[in-house]
Structure formats: structure tokens, C-alpha cells
Protein backbone atom coordinates (compact mmCIF):
# COMPACT_ATOMS: atom_id res chain seq x y z
CA MET A 1 30.35 1.80 -96.02
CA ILE A 2 28.45 5.43 -95.59
CA HIS A 3 29.45 7.52 -92.73
CA PHE A 4 26.83 9.53 -91.11
CA MET A 5 29.38 12.54 -90.21
CA GLN A 6 28.98 15.70 -87.93
CA ASP A 7 31.28 17.93 -86.37
CA TYR A 8 33.77 15.90 -84.50
CA GLY A 9 36.89 14.42 -85.42
CA LEU A 10 37.71 10.77 -87.09
CA GLN A 11 41.44 10.05 -86.90
CA GLY A 12 42.75 7.38 -88.44
CA ILE A 13 40.32 6.00 -90.49
CA HIS A 14 41.17 8.36 -93.61
CA ASP A 15 44.74 7.53 -92.91
CA VAL A 16 45.42 4.20 -92.58
CA GLY A 17 45.70 2.59 -95.87
CA ALA A 18 44.35 5.13 -97.59
CA HIS A 19 47.53 5.32 -99.48
CA LYS A 20 47.00 2.17 -101.14
CA LYS A 21 45.05 1.49 -104.18
CA PRO A 22 41.68 0.04 -103.06
CA PRO A 23 39.84 -1.89 -101.85
CA LEU A 24 41.05 -1.62 -98.03
CA SER A 25 40.88 -4.88 -96.95
CA TRP A 26 39.91 -3.96 -93.11
CA LEU A 27 36.90 -1.63 -94.19
CA PRO A 28 33.38 -3.17 -94.95
CA GLY A 29 32.67 -3.20 -98.50
CA PRO A 30 29.06 -3.47 -100.49
CA LYS A 31 27.89 -7.25 -99.72
CA HIS A 32 27.43 -7.54 -103.31
CA LYS A 33 27.53 -5.59 -106.58
CA HIS A 34 25.41 -4.39 -108.82
CA PRO A 35 27.26 -1.97 -111.09
CA SER A 36 25.85 0.21 -113.43
CA THR A 37 27.22 3.14 -115.83
CA LYS A 38 24.42 5.96 -115.31
CA TYR A 39 26.76 7.85 -112.91
CA LYS A 40 29.90 7.06 -114.06
CA LYS A 41 31.16 10.00 -115.92
CA THR A 42 29.68 12.03 -113.06
CA PHE A 43 31.69 10.02 -110.26
CA ALA A 44 35.10 10.68 -112.38
CA ALA A 45 34.69 14.20 -113.06
CA SER A 46 33.85 15.26 -109.39
CA ALA A 47 35.95 12.27 -107.35
CA PRO A 48 39.38 12.99 -108.36
CA ASN A 49 40.98 11.37 -105.33
CA ALA A 50 38.76 7.90 -106.02
CA SER A 51 41.96 5.92 -106.26
CA ARG A 52 42.26 6.40 -102.43
CA GLY A 53 39.21 3.94 -101.88
CA VAL A 54 37.69 7.18 -99.80
CA LEU A 55 34.92 9.49 -101.52
CA GLY A 56 33.46 12.44 -99.55
CA ILE A 57 29.96 13.34 -100.53
CA TRP A 58 30.52 17.16 -99.50
CA SER A 59 33.02 17.79 -101.41
CA SER A 60 31.04 19.10 -104.64
CA ASP A 61 27.41 20.94 -104.72
CA GLN A 62 27.19 17.90 -107.68
CA LEU A 63 27.57 15.28 -104.90
CA LEU A 64 25.26 16.53 -102.46
CA VAL A 65 22.82 14.73 -101.52
CA ARG A 66 19.40 15.80 -102.59
CA SER A 67 16.09 15.25 -101.19
CA THR A 68 12.86 13.58 -103.34
CA VAL A 69 9.30 15.45 -102.35
CA ASN A 70 6.41 14.18 -103.63
CA GLY A 71 8.14 12.03 -106.18
CA SER A 72 9.96 15.24 -107.43
CA GLN A 73 13.91 15.17 -107.18
CA ILE A 74 14.95 19.23 -106.20
CA ASP A 75 17.92 20.28 -107.75
CA ALA A 76 18.23 16.59 -108.10
CA THR A 77 22.11 15.04 -107.60
CA PRO A 78 23.29 11.71 -108.02
CA ALA A 79 24.29 11.17 -104.64
CA GLY A 80 20.82 10.88 -103.96
CA ASP A 81 20.46 7.76 -106.24
CA PRO A 82 21.05 4.45 -104.56
CA SER A 83 22.62 3.13 -108.18
CA PHE A 84 25.22 5.87 -107.87
CA TYR A 85 26.68 4.00 -104.59
CA TRP A 86 27.16 0.63 -107.19
CA ASP A 87 29.16 2.90 -109.43
CA VAL A 88 31.35 4.29 -106.48
CA TYR A 89 31.76 0.85 -105.45
CA SER A 90 32.51 -0.57 -108.88
CA THR A 91 35.55 1.93 -109.17
CA GLY A 92 37.15 0.73 -105.80
CA VAL A 93 35.71 3.25 -103.29
CA ASP A 94 35.29 1.13 -100.09
CA LEU A 95 34.55 4.46 -98.08
CA VAL A 96 31.67 7.05 -98.25
CA VAL A 97 31.58 9.77 -95.74
CA THR A 98 28.39 11.97 -96.19
CA GLU A 99 28.21 15.42 -94.02
CA TYR A 100 25.08 17.33 -95.60
CA ASN A 101 22.09 15.07 -95.72
CA PHE A 102 21.62 11.61 -95.79
CA LEU A 103 19.46 8.83 -97.70
CA GLN A 104 15.92 9.06 -97.83
CA PRO A 105 14.25 6.48 -95.67
CA PRO A 106 13.19 4.19 -99.17
CA GLN A 107 16.35 4.86 -100.38
CA PHE A 108 18.48 3.98 -96.97
CA GLU A 109 15.90 0.22 -97.60
CA ALA A 110 17.24 0.00 -100.76
CA MET A 111 21.27 0.13 -99.32
CA LYS A 112 20.82 -1.41 -96.12
CA THR A 113 21.75 -4.76 -97.48
CA ALA A 114 25.16 -3.68 -99.45
CA ALA A 115 26.29 -1.58 -97.48
CA ASP A 116 27.70 -1.17 -93.98
CA PHE A 117 26.60 2.19 -92.27
CA VAL A 118 28.13 3.57 -89.60
CA ALA A 119 27.62 6.56 -87.20
CA ILE A 120 28.85 8.61 -84.38
CA VAL A 121 26.12 11.24 -83.12
CA ARG A 122 26.76 14.46 -80.89
CA ASP A 123 24.54 15.77 -78.27
CA PRO A 124 21.78 17.82 -80.17
CA TRP A 125 22.72 21.28 -77.85
CA GLY A 126 26.53 20.60 -78.76
CA ARG A 127 26.38 20.03 -82.10
CA PHE A 128 24.17 23.28 -82.49
CA HIS A 129 25.78 25.73 -80.63
CA SER A 130 29.35 24.43 -81.97
CA THR A 131 28.02 24.51 -86.08
CA PHE A 132 26.56 27.97 -85.05
CA GLU A 133 30.04 29.22 -84.16
CA LYS A 134 31.60 27.89 -87.25
CA GLU A 135 28.95 29.45 -89.23
CA LEU A 136 30.14 32.66 -87.21
CA ASP A 137 33.42 32.31 -87.94
CA GLN A 138 32.59 32.04 -91.80
CA LEU A 139 30.64 34.94 -92.02
CA CYS A 140 32.42 37.33 -89.99
CA VAL A 141 35.81 36.56 -90.45
CA GLY A 142 36.36 33.89 -93.11
CA GLY A 143 37.17 31.00 -91.92
CA GLN A 144 40.89 30.18 -92.70
CA ASN A 145 42.72 28.01 -90.43
CA LYS A 146 45.13 30.32 -88.96
CA HIS A 147 46.47 31.77 -85.49
CA ARG A 148 44.35 35.19 -84.77
CA HIS A 149 46.16 37.48 -82.45
CA GLU A 150 43.88 40.01 -83.51
CA ILE A 151 41.07 40.68 -85.92
CA SER A 152 39.50 43.17 -87.97
CA ARG A 153 37.10 45.79 -86.52
CA LYS A 154 34.78 44.76 -89.04
CA ALA A 155 34.95 41.41 -88.38
CA GLN A 156 34.55 42.36 -84.81
CA LYS A 157 31.54 44.46 -85.23
CA CYS A 158 30.18 41.30 -87.24
CA LEU A 159 30.32 39.04 -84.29
CA GLU A 160 28.91 41.25 -81.63
CA GLU A 161 25.90 41.90 -84.15
CA HIS A 162 25.44 38.06 -84.65
CA ARG A 163 24.20 35.97 -81.75
CA LEU A 164 23.23 32.14 -80.87
CA VAL A 165 19.69 33.72 -79.38
CA ASP A 166 18.91 35.55 -82.05
CA TRP A 167 20.08 32.90 -84.93
CA VAL A 168 17.88 29.83 -82.96
CA LYS A 169 14.82 32.02 -83.45
CA LEU A 170 14.98 32.28 -87.29
CA PRO A 171 13.37 29.76 -89.63
CA LEU A 172 16.46 28.54 -91.07
CA GLY A 173 18.44 28.79 -88.15
CA MET A 174 20.92 31.29 -89.48
CA PRO A 175 20.30 34.43 -91.52
CA LYS A 176 19.57 34.50 -95.31
CA SER A 177 22.19 37.22 -95.49
CA SER A 178 24.80 34.06 -95.13
CA PRO A 179 25.71 32.72 -98.65
CA ARG A 180 25.74 28.82 -96.98
CA THR A 181 22.12 29.32 -96.26
CA ARG A 182 21.59 28.55 -100.00
CA GLN A 183 24.13 26.11 -100.22
CA PHE A 184 23.56 24.13 -97.46
CA PRO A 185 20.24 24.94 -95.79
CA GLY A 186 18.96 23.06 -92.47
CA MET A 187 22.12 22.92 -90.73
CA LEU A 188 20.69 25.05 -88.29
CA ALA A 189 17.28 24.08 -88.13
CA PRO A 190 15.35 22.90 -85.83
CA ASN A 191 15.35 19.01 -85.11
CA TYR A 192 18.86 18.56 -87.61
CA TYR A 193 19.19 14.75 -86.87
CA THR A 194 15.30 13.87 -87.31
CA ARG A 195 15.65 15.93 -90.34
CA MET A 196 19.00 14.13 -91.65
CA LEU A 197 17.56 10.63 -91.21
CA ASN A 198 14.63 11.33 -93.30
CA GLY A 199 17.15 12.63 -95.98
CA LEU A 200 15.58 16.11 -95.35
CA LEU A 201 18.40 18.61 -94.55
CA ASP A 202 18.26 20.55 -97.81
CA GLN A 203 14.06 21.18 -97.06
CA PRO A 204 14.59 23.37 -93.72
CA ARG A 205 10.80 24.53 -94.28
CA VAL A 206 9.20 21.13 -93.97
CA ALA A 207 7.78 20.85 -90.43
CA MET A 208 9.34 17.20 -88.38
CA ASN A 209 6.54 15.84 -86.48
CA ALA A 210 6.36 12.28 -84.37
CA SER A 211 6.23 10.31 -87.78
CA HIS A 212 9.78 11.64 -89.03
CA LEU A 213 10.81 11.02 -85.63
CA GLN A 214 9.65 7.34 -85.65
CA LEU A 215 11.14 6.67 -89.03
CA ALA A 216 14.52 8.60 -87.84
CA LYS A 217 14.54 5.86 -84.91
CA THR A 218 13.58 2.80 -87.18
CA VAL A 219 16.70 3.86 -89.51
CA ILE A 220 19.23 4.77 -86.93
CA ALA A 221 18.57 1.45 -85.02
CA GLN A 222 19.53 -0.62 -88.39
CA PHE A 223 23.28 1.11 -88.43
CA ASP A 224 25.63 -1.28 -88.24
CA LEU A 225 27.86 0.50 -85.74
CA LEU A 226 26.29 3.06 -83.83
CA LEU A 227 28.13 5.39 -81.35
CA TYR A 228 27.98 8.77 -79.44
CA LEU A 229 30.28 11.46 -78.97
CA GLU A 230 29.80 11.42 -75.26
CA MET A 231 29.76 8.01 -74.23
CA ASN A 232 32.49 6.11 -72.06
CA THR A 233 35.85 6.31 -74.16
CA SER A 234 36.87 2.28 -73.13
CA ARG A 235 33.38 1.40 -74.31
CA ARG A 236 33.63 3.14 -77.89
CA ASP A 237 36.74 2.29 -78.42
CA GLY A 238 36.03 -1.76 -77.78
CA ALA A 239 32.82 -1.09 -80.20
CA PHE A 240 34.86 0.36 -82.58
CA ASP A 241 37.69 -2.76 -82.20
CA SER A 242 35.15 -5.52 -82.55
CA PHE A 243 33.72 -3.89 -85.90
CA PHE A 244 37.29 -2.66 -87.34
CA PRO A 245 39.36 -6.19 -86.05
CA ASP A 246 42.49 -5.10 -87.24
CA SER A 247 41.98 -1.50 -85.93
CA ALA A 248 43.87 -2.21 -82.38
CA GLU A 249 46.66 -3.60 -84.12
CA ARG A 250 46.84 -0.79 -86.93
CA GLY A 251 46.93 1.66 -84.37
CA VAL A 252 43.33 3.03 -85.28
CA ARG A 253 41.65 4.79 -82.76
CA LEU A 254 38.79 7.73 -82.61
CA GLY A 255 39.73 11.01 -81.58
CA THR A 256 38.88 14.51 -81.98
CA LYS A 257 39.80 17.10 -84.22
CA SER A 258 37.55 20.75 -84.54
CA ASN A 259 36.97 22.35 -87.60
CA ASN A 260 35.76 25.25 -85.46
CA PHE A 261 38.64 28.35 -85.69
CA LEU A 262 36.41 30.56 -83.87
CA LYS A 263 38.16 29.40 -80.68
CA GLN A 264 40.98 31.07 -81.99
CA VAL A 265 39.61 34.64 -81.96
CA PRO A 266 40.09 37.25 -79.00
CA GLY A 267 37.39 37.20 -76.70
CA TYR A 268 35.93 33.66 -77.63
CA SER A 269 35.06 33.02 -74.33
CA THR A 270 32.42 35.60 -74.37
CA ILE A 271 30.93 34.33 -77.23
CA GLN A 272 30.63 30.78 -75.30
CA GLN A 273 29.05 32.52 -72.73
CA ALA A 274 26.43 33.78 -74.86
CA ASN A 275 25.49 31.07 -76.31
CA LEU A 276 24.01 29.56 -73.18
CA LEU A 277 21.35 31.95 -73.36
CA ALA A 278 19.98 30.17 -76.48
CA LYS A 279 19.79 26.90 -74.49
CA PRO A 280 16.15 27.30 -73.58
CA ALA A 281 14.63 28.29 -76.61
CA PHE A 282 16.73 25.45 -78.48
CA ASP A 283 15.49 22.71 -76.10
CA GLU A 284 11.64 24.53 -76.74
CA LEU A 285 12.25 24.09 -80.84
CA ASN A 286 14.18 20.66 -80.83
CA VAL A 287 11.92 18.19 -78.26
CA LEU A 288 12.03 15.50 -81.23
CA ASP A 289 15.89 15.77 -81.46
CA ASN A 290 16.38 15.69 -78.02
CA GLU A 291 14.17 12.24 -77.65
CA LEU A 292 15.71 10.62 -80.30
CA TYR A 293 19.44 11.22 -79.08
CA ALA A 294 17.87 9.84 -75.68
CA PHE A 295 16.95 6.91 -77.79
CA ILE A 296 20.15 6.52 -80.01
CA LYS A 297 21.90 6.78 -76.34
CA ASP A 298 20.38 3.77 -74.64
CA LEU A 299 20.13 1.82 -77.79
CA VAL A 300 24.06 2.29 -78.07
CA ASP A 301 24.66 1.41 -74.42
CA THR A 302 22.34 -1.80 -74.08
CA ARG A 303 23.21 -3.44 -77.60
CA PRO A 304 25.83 -5.64 -77.59
CA LEU A 305 29.14 -4.75 -78.91
CA ALA A 306 28.94 -4.97 -82.82
CA ALA A 307 30.92 -7.75 -85.22
CA ARG A 308 31.29 -7.05 -89.10
CA SER A 309 30.10 -9.90 -90.28
């Protein structure tokens, strides 16, 4: 399974059965094997927790999914090659989680019959301002998960100088001074979901258009389990249980867990209120994503509960 993940928490999936050696019988794996040895060495070096049966593709630069533009792969990485996932599966991994970028449509087509694809999507504006707060925390405070009853004057000044209403107008959605702009370009660029589903998150200067939107709709409509964060909880749990029949008796439930530690900073409510000033500019720049999200909601709300084959 390849799991498309944003700034939300998925409680239970990583823990239930994770201590057991794979395969995790309650998780869907590829429908048939076709292993190669091309990336075995890379995988072994980059995935020390492979024996747990779960692999996070954001765990190292080596495993980031990089795109191929005009036949030339940019900063080539194995995670952009479908054959890499056969190698992952042959080692016993059943669940692959991608946070940064996604397979391009031709690569997705090559994998969709071999793996189950699962996504939970957050509304575009909610994801955007939450990600901004995460990046602001990294830039100004240091991103450490600890209680902050007070912060330095330098950090406070940094928080006052960087505003979402300014960031939203930047070409990359974040300042070049942020080291994460180079490491994870595209996280705050316009039309994030459309870009992600085209496998072009690492190409934030490539403008998205109606053709990219149509491709994104075509890709997401083929996901085996599709949810959105704001949907009715009982229907969400029902869809989850239908896809994972063992989940209810194992006590697995989708929950919320934030890595936005800016919420602990004094004066956070002021930052929240200031963020709202960026909403009009965001909507103007993210017409494609807003349409895609409406499409996803309609798709989820009207399709029958998906049972895993």
C-alpha cells in the first residue's frame, strides 16, 4: 500500500502489529510479486526499520520521490521508480507512507494493479495555514516538541516579521532563506494537491493548469480507499472498517495528532488571527485545488463503502 499523507494524525495503523515481522496480514500488500535487485542496497541502507513492515518515504533525502520532466529525472531517487516498490515488497514491507511528492501519473498507472492506494485529504486552506505554522515554527523557534512557556526575543521578532499574508504571495510560498525551501520545495506553492498528484511537488515553478487538474482527478479517483479529514466521523470509520475488516476488533481508529508545535508558543492566537488575512489571496491562487477538493468530497460522499479485495 502507498499511503498519501498530509498534516494529520493516523493513530493505530503504525502501531497495531508493527512489532511483528511482516507481512502484516491485515494490511493489503501487492497483488503479485515482481522483485528486482536494482535498489536492494539503497533500501537496506535507508530503511533500518524495514523489518517492522512499514516504510516512510520522507525518512531521508535518498528516499524522496523526485519527478521526471521531459524525460530527464531531476535529482534522481529510487522512490520515483516503480521497480523500487517491488524491492520494498520483496523485503517484507506491506505499508509504504509517502509524505513528500507522489508518483507521476505514468508511474502510478504502472503500480495501481499491484498495490492498494489509500488517501485522507484535508481541505486546502486548512492544510496550507497549518503547514505555514509548522514551517514558521521550524524557522523561528526550532521545531522542538517541548512546552514553551517563553521564547527568546530573537524568536519572537522572527515570528512577528514572517506573516502568512506575505508568504502566500511568494513564488514558492515560503522565503528562500528557509533551508526547507531547498529540501522540500513545493510544500506551500499554489495548488499543492494538484501538483502532488501529478508527481511535481519538487517542481514548484511549473505552473499548474486545467490539464494537470484533470490528471489529478483521474489519479485520485482510482484510489482504493479515499477519505477527507472533515467528513462525517461515523461514515469515515465505516469506510475504514469496510476496507480493513480487522480494524474494529483490533481497536484501530483514525485519530488526530498534530506536529504543529507553534500552538505552544505564547501569542499563538494572534498568529492564527493574522493568518486569516491571507485567505482571499490563497483562494485566488488555488482555484485548481479548491475544485479538486470539491471533487474529492463529492466522490467520497457518493461512492459505496470500499471493501478490500
